[in-house]
Amino acid sequence: MLDLGVYAIQFAQFVFRSEPLSITAKGKLNEDGVDLETEVEMKYANGGVARFKTSALEELKNKANIRGTKNFMTVSLLYLKYLHND
């Protein structure tokens, strides 16, 4: 979570502009206790919900979908693509 999840948390905080009321998370660790995958749900006071997955086991789409009451937007998170370049 400390390596991969900070980017998703940062984006959720940018969108909701407040601290979450609750955080639920589950994940997979390797034999040394290092996180390999994490799935997180953060709930906010305004009714907003952020859900994200981070993984060192599979390549994810590196995008965010933002749904409001009137519209929908997809944001490409380009800064994450540089983590996978050799």
Protein backbone atom coordinates (compact mmCIF):
# COMPACT_ATOMS: atom_id res chain seq x y z
CA MET A 1 0.00 0.00 0.00
CA LEU A 2 2.84 2.37 0.78
CA ASP A 3 4.42 1.79 -2.62
CA LEU A 4 1.41 1.61 -4.96
CA GLY A 5 -1.63 2.86 -3.07
CA VAL A 6 -0.50 6.39 -2.34
CA TYR A 7 -1.28 7.48 -5.91
CA ALA A 8 -4.88 6.26 -5.75
CA ILE A 9 -5.40 7.75 -2.29
CA GLN A 10 -3.98 11.07 -3.50
CA PHE A 11 -6.38 11.12 -6.44
CA ALA A 12 -9.40 10.29 -4.25
CA GLN A 13 -8.45 13.09 -1.85
CA PHE A 14 -8.13 15.49 -4.80
CA VAL A 15 -11.62 14.55 -6.04
CA PHE A 16 -13.45 14.59 -2.68
CA ARG A 17 -11.44 17.34 -0.94
CA SER A 18 -12.03 15.84 2.52
CA GLU A 19 -10.93 13.02 4.77
CA PRO A 20 -12.83 9.74 4.38
CA LEU A 21 -15.28 8.72 7.11
CA SER A 22 -14.40 5.04 6.72
CA ILE A 23 -11.82 2.91 4.95
CA THR A 24 -12.18 -0.78 4.16
CA ALA A 25 -9.26 -2.66 2.65
CA LYS A 26 -8.16 -6.18 1.82
CA GLY A 27 -5.00 -7.39 0.19
CA LYS A 28 -2.42 -10.05 -0.52
CA LEU A 29 1.04 -10.18 1.01
CA ASN A 30 4.10 -12.14 -0.06
CA GLU A 31 5.99 -14.45 2.32
CA ASP A 32 7.98 -11.46 3.66
CA GLY A 33 4.84 -9.44 4.45
CA VAL A 34 5.20 -7.05 1.51
CA ASP A 35 1.93 -5.99 -0.11
CA LEU A 36 1.29 -7.40 -3.59
CA GLU A 37 -2.33 -6.35 -4.14
CA THR A 38 -4.78 -4.11 -2.34
CA GLU A 39 -8.48 -3.37 -2.85
CA VAL A 40 -9.79 -0.31 -0.99
CA GLU A 41 -13.12 1.43 -0.47
CA MET A 42 -13.21 4.88 1.15
CA LYS A 43 -16.54 6.52 2.07
CA TYR A 44 -16.97 10.29 2.39
CA ALA A 45 -19.42 12.52 4.27
CA ASN A 46 -21.01 13.84 1.07
CA GLY A 47 -22.02 10.30 0.08
CA GLY A 48 -19.07 9.84 -2.25
CA VAL A 49 -17.25 6.53 -2.48
CA ALA A 50 -13.75 5.90 -3.81
CA ARG A 51 -12.89 2.32 -4.83
CA PHE A 52 -9.53 1.30 -6.16
CA LYS A 53 -7.19 -1.62 -6.65
CA THR A 54 -3.42 -1.62 -6.77
CA SER A 55 -1.36 -4.59 -7.87
CA ALA A 56 2.22 -5.68 -8.33
CA LEU A 57 0.90 -8.96 -9.79
CA GLU A 58 -1.02 -7.67 -12.79
CA GLU A 59 -0.95 -4.61 -15.03
CA LEU A 60 -4.03 -2.48 -14.39
CA LYS A 61 -5.58 0.16 -16.64
CA ASN A 62 -4.26 3.19 -14.68
CA LYS A 63 -7.42 5.21 -15.13
CA ALA A 64 -10.05 6.71 -12.86
CA ASN A 65 -13.79 6.80 -13.51
CA ILE A 66 -15.61 9.66 -11.82
CA ARG A 67 -19.40 9.42 -11.68
CA GLY A 68 -21.59 12.27 -10.51
CA THR A 69 -25.32 12.77 -10.41
CA LYS A 70 -25.30 14.40 -13.85
CA ASN A 71 -22.30 13.08 -15.75
CA PHE A 72 -19.40 10.65 -16.05
CA MET A 73 -15.71 11.25 -16.71
CA THR A 74 -12.68 8.99 -17.26
CA VAL A 75 -9.23 10.30 -16.37
CA SER A 76 -6.04 8.63 -17.62
CA LEU A 77 -3.49 8.51 -14.84
CA LEU A 78 -0.45 8.88 -17.07
CA TYR A 79 2.09 9.36 -14.29
CA LEU A 80 1.68 5.71 -13.30
CA LYS A 81 2.70 4.43 -16.74
CA TYR A 82 6.28 5.49 -16.10
CA LEU A 83 6.55 2.96 -13.26
CA HIS A 84 6.36 0.09 -15.78
CA ASN A 85 8.88 1.35 -18.37
CA ASP A 86 12.31 -0.27 -18.48
